[in-house]
């Protein structure tokens, strides 16, 4: 047997053994190791609870009715579930380091989905988390917006109404189903204006092999009962009169659809240019609705752009990446504000364009969909 084949086989065996050992360690910690009951002290005695050890701090708090924001469902990518761990959190995990700034590490900030509750622990959380509630509702409508994007409307049952600021999001609970052995939480921005307080609407894009989106697209039906918690998030309009640039793609439409209609209801007349990116013509949705808003609101302009306009039907609008459209049409941005929603890659690229056009960091607000 040639030497290179021996090396390949040996490497494959090492990878297989390493993977098996890692899986065995996870199984052993989850099902065999018993940490017993652990005391969690919150905000220096403001609240104390006792919970079974062994799970992550994020999952443990949620199980106890303290809902910590987490857009990635506990995968350690969004960095929204930051909390201060004052005592008992163990050493900083390698997965936390890239998500924390040096001053956060000095201040004992941790990524709660990466911290295991193995013993008594003392933490500090923002006071506003105590006001976040769990809601129960019924799916009133599921509407196909594109081949991979659905609009979901949930009529509230208990409690019967919700108060939120346009731009905030909820965490939808996907129950256990075949292929997903336990409930998971995923974050989705609300797309209805706050005046419609008896229901929530979200815009959900299918993620390949995504636990929650698979449940929504393949299992969830109109009339089903669902649970969610919220509202979360600081993404919202400032109170300045500055002209605005909005940039989004896909399900990043959701918070802007809420904000735009809220502005119309409240007669907020800030000049706004909304750039929306997609690949093909059949990936664009709400086009007719946006054109109507342009006619109703003299301060609003909608600019969709397709990166592959030759595919999926005739298109006479903007071509290229959405950041290219922004660069061509947004003009000087020094005295403007920008609001961005979408993938981290799109947002990072858009920020570079905006800063090159004179916009400062303090006037750029974004919500990364991890």
Protein backbone atom coordinates (compact mmCIF):
# COMPACT_ATOMS: atom_id res chain seq x y z
CA UNK A 1 0.00 0.00 0.00
CA UNK A 2 1.44 3.42 -0.96
CA UNK A 3 2.57 5.64 1.90
CA UNK A 4 0.09 8.40 1.07
CA UNK A 5 -2.81 5.94 1.42
CA UNK A 6 -1.51 4.84 4.81
CA UNK A 7 -1.38 8.48 5.91
CA UNK A 8 -4.92 9.13 4.68
CA UNK A 9 -6.29 6.04 6.43
CA UNK A 10 -4.48 6.93 9.65
CA UNK A 11 -5.79 10.49 9.53
CA UNK A 12 -9.33 9.27 8.95
CA UNK A 13 -9.06 6.88 11.88
CA UNK A 14 -7.76 9.62 14.16
CA UNK A 15 -10.64 11.92 13.13
CA UNK A 16 -13.20 9.17 13.65
CA UNK A 17 -11.83 8.24 17.09
CA UNK A 18 -11.66 11.92 18.12
CA UNK A 19 -15.25 12.49 17.00
CA UNK A 20 -16.45 9.41 18.84
CA UNK A 21 -14.66 10.44 22.04
CA UNK A 22 -16.13 13.97 21.84
CA UNK A 23 -19.63 12.57 21.38
CA UNK A 24 -19.06 10.16 24.29
CA UNK A 25 -17.94 13.00 26.55
CA UNK A 26 -21.03 15.06 25.67
CA UNK A 27 -23.27 12.06 26.31
CA UNK A 28 -21.56 11.25 29.60
CA UNK A 29 -21.81 14.82 30.89
CA UNK A 30 -25.43 15.14 29.88
CA UNK A 31 -26.80 11.79 30.97
CA UNK A 32 -24.36 10.19 33.40
CA UNK A 33 -22.79 13.00 35.44
CA UNK A 34 -25.09 14.27 38.20
CA UNK A 35 -24.23 17.70 39.53
CA UNK A 36 -27.14 17.88 41.94
CA UNK A 37 -29.13 20.99 42.78
CA UNK A 38 -27.33 24.29 42.33
CA UNK A 39 -28.15 27.69 43.82
CA UNK A 40 -28.28 30.58 41.34
CA UNK A 41 -28.01 34.01 42.95
CA UNK A 42 -29.24 36.76 40.62
CA UNK A 43 -28.31 40.44 41.04
CA UNK A 44 -26.84 40.03 44.52
CA UNK A 45 -29.86 38.50 46.19
CA UNK A 46 -32.62 40.18 44.13
CA UNK A 47 -33.73 36.70 43.11
CA UNK A 48 -32.53 33.25 44.07
CA UNK A 49 -33.48 29.94 42.54
CA UNK A 50 -32.40 26.34 42.78
CA UNK A 51 -32.01 24.27 39.63
CA UNK A 52 -30.63 20.92 38.56
CA UNK A 53 -27.02 21.28 37.45
CA UNK A 54 -25.60 20.06 34.18
CA UNK A 55 -27.30 22.32 31.64
CA UNK A 56 -26.13 25.63 30.23
CA UNK A 57 -26.82 28.80 32.17
CA UNK A 58 -28.97 30.07 29.29
CA UNK A 59 -31.16 26.95 29.22
CA UNK A 60 -31.41 26.82 33.01
CA UNK A 61 -32.57 30.45 33.29
CA UNK A 62 -35.15 30.01 30.53
CA UNK A 63 -36.50 26.91 32.23
CA UNK A 64 -36.96 29.03 35.35
CA UNK A 65 -38.85 31.75 33.47
CA UNK A 66 -35.98 34.23 33.03
CA UNK A 67 -35.80 34.74 29.28
CA UNK A 68 -32.38 35.79 28.05
CA UNK A 69 -32.13 36.93 24.40
CA UNK A 70 -30.48 34.45 22.04
CA UNK A 71 -30.81 34.74 18.27
CA UNK A 72 -28.74 31.63 17.51
CA UNK A 73 -30.57 29.20 19.78
CA UNK A 74 -27.60 28.60 22.08
CA UNK A 75 -25.02 27.77 19.43
CA UNK A 76 -22.56 30.41 20.62
CA UNK A 77 -22.59 32.60 17.50
CA UNK A 78 -24.85 35.61 18.12
CA UNK A 79 -23.35 36.85 21.44
CA UNK A 80 -26.72 38.24 22.56
CA UNK A 81 -26.93 36.13 25.72
CA UNK A 82 -24.17 37.99 27.54
CA UNK A 83 -24.45 38.07 31.35
CA UNK A 84 -22.07 38.85 34.17
CA UNK A 85 -20.98 35.76 36.08
CA UNK A 86 -19.68 37.03 39.40
CA UNK A 87 -18.85 33.65 40.94
CA UNK A 88 -18.95 29.96 40.09
CA UNK A 89 -18.92 30.04 36.29
CA UNK A 90 -15.67 28.18 35.79
CA UNK A 91 -12.94 29.19 33.34
CA UNK A 92 -13.67 31.10 30.16
CA UNK A 93 -14.43 28.67 27.32
CA UNK A 94 -12.52 28.98 24.03
CA UNK A 95 -15.86 29.48 22.24
CA UNK A 96 -16.51 32.62 24.30
CA UNK A 97 -13.26 34.47 23.68
CA UNK A 98 -13.98 35.63 20.08
CA UNK A 99 -17.38 37.00 21.18
CA UNK A 100 -16.11 39.12 24.08
CA UNK A 101 -14.21 42.40 24.13
CA UNK A 102 -11.21 42.71 26.50
CA UNK A 103 -13.11 45.06 28.83
CA UNK A 104 -16.04 42.61 28.96
CA UNK A 105 -13.70 39.80 29.96
CA UNK A 106 -12.29 42.02 32.73
CA UNK A 107 -15.85 42.77 33.89
CA UNK A 108 -16.69 39.02 34.08
CA UNK A 109 -19.11 39.07 31.18
CA UNK A 110 -19.80 35.59 29.83
CA UNK A 111 -21.73 33.99 26.96
CA UNK A 112 -24.45 32.24 28.96
CA UNK A 113 -25.12 29.51 26.39
CA UNK A 114 -21.48 28.44 26.78
CA UNK A 115 -21.44 28.42 30.61
CA UNK A 116 -22.42 25.16 32.32
CA UNK A 117 -24.16 25.22 35.71
CA UNK A 118 -22.06 22.73 37.66
CA UNK A 119 -22.19 24.30 41.13
CA UNK A 120 -23.61 27.32 42.96
CA UNK A 121 -23.29 30.41 40.79
CA UNK A 122 -23.81 34.16 41.19
CA UNK A 123 -24.81 36.22 38.15
CA UNK A 124 -25.92 39.72 37.19
CA UNK A 125 -28.60 40.31 34.52
CA UNK A 126 -30.25 43.48 33.15
CA UNK A 127 -33.35 44.39 35.15
CA UNK A 128 -35.50 44.57 32.00
CA UNK A 129 -35.21 40.81 31.54
CA UNK A 130 -37.54 40.33 34.49
CA UNK A 131 -40.36 41.98 32.52
CA UNK A 132 -40.09 39.61 29.53
CA UNK A 133 -43.03 37.23 29.40
CA UNK A 134 -44.00 33.91 27.93
CA UNK A 135 -46.97 33.98 25.53
CA UNK A 136 -49.33 31.35 24.18
CA UNK A 137 -51.12 31.82 20.88
CA UNK A 138 -52.77 30.15 17.91
CA UNK A 139 -51.44 30.23 14.36
CA UNK A 140 -53.98 32.34 12.49
CA UNK A 141 -52.24 32.50 9.10
CA UNK A 142 -49.24 31.02 7.28
CA UNK A 143 -48.59 32.82 4.00
CA UNK A 144 -45.97 31.89 1.38
CA UNK A 145 -44.13 35.08 0.44
CA UNK A 146 -41.50 33.31 -1.71
CA UNK A 147 -40.39 29.71 -2.23
CA UNK A 148 -38.37 29.86 1.02
CA UNK A 149 -39.95 32.68 3.06
CA UNK A 150 -43.21 32.52 5.00
CA UNK A 151 -45.19 35.09 6.94
CA UNK A 152 -46.53 33.72 10.22
CA UNK A 153 -49.38 35.41 12.13
CA UNK A 154 -50.07 34.28 15.70
CA UNK A 155 -53.24 35.38 17.51
CA UNK A 156 -52.55 35.82 21.22
CA UNK A 157 -54.40 33.67 23.74
CA UNK A 158 -52.59 34.13 27.07
CA UNK A 159 -51.93 36.95 27.67
CA UNK A 160 -54.23 38.45 25.07
CA UNK A 161 -52.06 41.43 24.10
CA UNK A 162 -48.41 42.42 23.83
CA UNK A 163 -46.59 45.75 24.07
CA UNK A 164 -43.42 46.22 22.04
CA UNK A 165 -41.32 48.77 20.19
CA UNK A 166 -41.06 48.47 16.38
CA UNK A 167 -37.81 46.66 15.62
CA UNK A 168 -37.95 44.22 18.53
CA UNK A 169 -38.11 40.44 18.24
CA UNK A 170 -39.61 37.38 19.91
CA UNK A 171 -38.20 33.94 20.60
CA UNK A 172 -40.44 31.29 19.07
CA UNK A 173 -40.47 27.86 20.72
CA UNK A 174 -40.18 24.93 18.33
CA UNK A 175 -41.42 21.84 20.22
CA UNK A 176 -39.75 18.45 20.02
CA UNK A 177 -40.49 16.58 16.79
CA UNK A 178 -38.96 13.77 14.77
CA UNK A 179 -35.33 14.70 14.30
CA UNK A 180 -35.38 17.27 17.11
CA UNK A 181 -35.60 15.58 20.54
CA UNK A 182 -36.16 18.69 22.67
CA UNK A 183 -37.74 22.15 22.37
CA UNK A 184 -35.56 24.93 20.97
CA UNK A 185 -35.86 28.73 20.89
CA UNK A 186 -35.19 30.84 17.80
CA UNK A 187 -35.38 34.62 17.40
CA UNK A 188 -37.60 36.33 14.79
CA UNK A 189 -38.30 40.03 14.38
CA UNK A 190 -41.91 41.18 14.61
CA UNK A 191 -43.29 42.62 11.38
CA UNK A 192 -46.62 44.09 12.59
CA UNK A 193 -46.87 47.62 14.03
CA UNK A 194 -47.51 47.82 17.81
CA UNK A 195 -51.07 49.06 17.22
CA UNK A 196 -51.98 45.46 16.30
CA UNK A 197 -51.36 44.29 19.87
CA UNK A 198 -53.62 41.20 19.82
CA UNK A 199 -51.31 39.28 17.48
CA UNK A 200 -47.71 39.04 16.35
CA UNK A 201 -46.41 38.48 12.85
CA UNK A 202 -42.96 37.32 11.79
CA UNK A 203 -41.23 36.69 8.48
CA UNK A 204 -39.31 33.41 8.53
CA UNK A 205 -36.79 32.24 5.96
CA UNK A 206 -36.06 28.53 5.57
CA UNK A 207 -32.60 27.59 6.80
CA UNK A 208 -31.33 24.26 5.40
CA UNK A 209 -31.52 21.72 8.24
CA UNK A 210 -32.61 24.50 10.63
CA UNK A 211 -34.49 23.00 13.56
CA UNK A 212 -37.07 25.75 13.98
CA UNK A 213 -37.52 26.64 10.31
CA UNK A 214 -37.94 22.96 9.40
CA UNK A 215 -40.71 22.77 12.00
CA UNK A 216 -42.36 25.91 10.62
CA UNK A 217 -42.15 24.83 6.97
CA UNK A 218 -42.94 21.11 7.33
CA UNK A 219 -44.98 20.63 10.50
CA UNK A 220 -46.68 23.84 11.65
CA UNK A 221 -50.27 24.34 10.49
CA UNK A 222 -52.91 27.03 10.81
CA UNK A 223 -54.86 26.44 14.03
CA UNK A 224 -51.87 24.99 15.90
CA UNK A 225 -51.08 26.35 19.36
CA UNK A 226 -47.60 27.85 19.78
CA UNK A 227 -45.50 29.46 22.49
CA UNK A 228 -43.03 32.34 22.36
CA UNK A 229 -41.42 34.82 24.72
CA UNK A 230 -40.37 38.43 24.46
CA UNK A 231 -40.17 41.16 23.45
CA UNK A 232 -36.41 41.54 23.10
CA UNK A 233 -33.90 43.85 21.49
CA UNK A 234 -32.70 47.43 21.28
CA UNK A 235 -33.04 47.80 17.50
CA UNK A 236 -35.34 50.79 17.02
CA UNK A 237 -35.43 54.25 15.46
CA UNK A 238 -33.64 57.09 17.18
CA UNK A 239 -35.58 60.22 18.07
CA UNK A 240 -33.54 62.48 15.75
CA UNK A 241 -34.99 64.03 12.57
CA UNK A 242 -32.06 62.80 10.44
CA UNK A 243 -32.58 61.30 7.00
CA UNK A 244 -32.33 57.50 7.06
CA UNK A 245 -30.87 54.71 4.95
CA UNK A 246 -32.38 51.26 5.54
CA UNK A 247 -30.63 48.14 4.22
CA UNK A 248 -32.01 44.60 4.39
CA UNK A 249 -32.38 41.31 2.58
CA UNK A 250 -34.68 38.30 2.95
CA UNK A 251 -36.37 38.07 6.34
CA UNK A 252 -34.55 41.28 7.31
CA UNK A 253 -37.65 42.94 5.84
CA UNK A 254 -39.59 42.13 9.05
CA UNK A 255 -38.56 44.95 11.43
CA UNK A 256 -38.72 47.56 8.68
CA UNK A 257 -42.26 46.50 7.69
CA UNK A 258 -43.22 47.10 11.33
CA UNK A 259 -41.32 50.40 11.61
CA UNK A 260 -42.61 51.82 8.31
CA UNK A 261 -46.29 51.31 9.14
CA UNK A 262 -45.75 52.61 12.68
CA UNK A 263 -44.17 55.78 11.23
CA UNK A 264 -47.16 56.21 8.94
CA UNK A 265 -49.63 55.76 11.82
CA UNK A 266 -47.75 58.25 14.01
CA UNK A 267 -47.08 60.72 11.16
CA UNK A 268 -43.30 60.47 11.57
CA UNK A 269 -42.05 62.11 8.36
CA UNK A 270 -38.33 61.34 8.22
CA UNK A 271 -36.92 61.01 4.72
CA UNK A 272 -36.10 57.33 4.19
CA UNK A 273 -34.49 55.29 1.41
CA UNK A 274 -35.00 51.54 1.87
CA UNK A 275 -32.52 49.31 0.01
CA UNK A 276 -33.63 45.67 -0.23
CA UNK A 277 -31.43 42.98 -1.77
CA UNK A 278 -32.32 39.63 -3.32
CA UNK A 279 -30.88 37.20 -5.85
CA UNK A 280 -33.72 36.67 -8.35
CA UNK A 281 -37.05 38.31 -9.16
CA UNK A 282 -38.99 35.56 -7.37
CA UNK A 283 -37.03 36.30 -4.17
CA UNK A 284 -38.58 39.77 -3.92
CA UNK A 285 -41.77 40.10 -1.86
CA UNK A 286 -43.98 42.99 -0.70
CA UNK A 287 -43.02 44.84 -3.88
CA UNK A 288 -46.60 45.98 -4.58
CA UNK A 289 -47.05 46.98 -0.93
CA UNK A 290 -43.84 49.02 -0.99
CA UNK A 291 -44.82 50.77 -4.21
CA UNK A 292 -48.14 51.75 -2.60
CA UNK A 293 -46.26 53.15 0.40
CA UNK A 294 -44.12 55.23 -1.95
CA UNK A 295 -47.29 56.81 -3.34
CA UNK A 296 -48.80 57.37 0.11
CA UNK A 297 -45.62 58.71 1.77
CA UNK A 298 -43.69 61.41 -0.07
CA UNK A 299 -40.71 60.90 2.26
CA UNK A 300 -40.28 57.18 1.51
CA UNK A 301 -38.45 55.46 -1.37
CA UNK A 302 -38.02 51.70 -1.89
CA UNK A 303 -34.96 50.48 -3.85
CA UNK A 304 -34.86 46.71 -4.51
CA UNK A 305 -31.79 45.25 -6.22
CA UNK A 306 -31.16 41.80 -7.73
CA UNK A 307 -27.73 40.19 -7.85
CA UNK A 308 -28.88 37.76 -10.59
CA UNK A 309 -31.58 39.69 -12.46
CA UNK A 310 -31.43 37.47 -15.57
CA UNK A 311 -32.85 34.56 -13.55
CA UNK A 312 -36.47 34.31 -12.49
CA UNK A 313 -38.28 36.82 -14.71
CA UNK A 314 -38.02 40.28 -16.25
CA UNK A 315 -36.48 42.99 -14.09
CA UNK A 316 -36.00 46.68 -14.82
CA UNK A 317 -34.81 47.69 -11.36
CA UNK A 318 -31.35 47.92 -9.79
CA UNK A 319 -28.73 45.26 -10.57
CA UNK A 320 -25.89 43.93 -8.44
CA UNK A 321 -25.30 43.45 -4.74
CA UNK A 322 -27.38 45.64 -2.45
CA UNK A 323 -24.20 47.32 -1.19
CA UNK A 324 -23.41 48.34 -4.77
CA UNK A 325 -26.86 49.93 -5.07
CA UNK A 326 -26.25 51.80 -1.81
CA UNK A 327 -22.91 53.04 -3.10
CA UNK A 328 -24.51 54.29 -6.33
CA UNK A 329 -27.65 55.90 -4.96
CA UNK A 330 -27.36 56.81 -1.27
CA UNK A 331 -25.35 59.98 -1.82
CA UNK A 332 -23.30 61.62 0.89
CA UNK A 333 -24.08 59.93 4.22
CA UNK A 334 -22.28 62.20 6.67
CA UNK A 335 -25.49 63.70 8.09
CA UNK A 336 -27.66 60.57 7.83
CA UNK A 337 -28.44 57.52 9.95
CA UNK A 338 -28.42 53.90 8.79
CA UNK A 339 -30.43 50.89 9.95
CA UNK A 340 -29.37 47.44 8.77
CA UNK A 341 -30.94 43.97 9.13
CA UNK A 342 -29.70 40.72 7.64
CA UNK A 343 -26.73 38.37 7.54
CA UNK A 344 -23.49 39.34 9.28
CA UNK A 345 -21.64 39.36 5.94
CA UNK A 346 -24.11 41.76 4.33
CA UNK A 347 -24.11 44.07 7.33
CA UNK A 348 -20.31 44.20 7.57
CA UNK A 349 -20.07 45.00 3.85
CA UNK A 350 -22.76 47.69 4.13
CA UNK A 351 -21.02 49.34 7.07
CA UNK A 352 -17.83 49.66 5.01
CA UNK A 353 -19.76 51.37 2.21
CA UNK A 354 -21.55 53.73 4.60
CA UNK A 355 -18.36 54.75 6.40
CA UNK A 356 -16.67 55.39 3.05
CA UNK A 357 -19.57 57.77 2.33
CA UNK A 358 -18.93 59.72 5.52
CA UNK A 359 -21.20 58.05 8.07
CA UNK A 360 -19.85 57.61 11.61
CA UNK A 361 -20.21 54.49 13.76
CA UNK A 362 -22.56 56.18 16.21
CA UNK A 363 -25.15 56.66 13.44
CA UNK A 364 -25.14 53.05 12.24
CA UNK A 365 -27.64 50.69 13.92
CA UNK A 366 -27.96 47.05 13.00
CA UNK A 367 -29.52 43.71 13.85
CA UNK A 368 -27.44 40.76 12.66
CA UNK A 369 -29.46 37.63 11.89
CA UNK A 370 -27.03 34.96 13.07
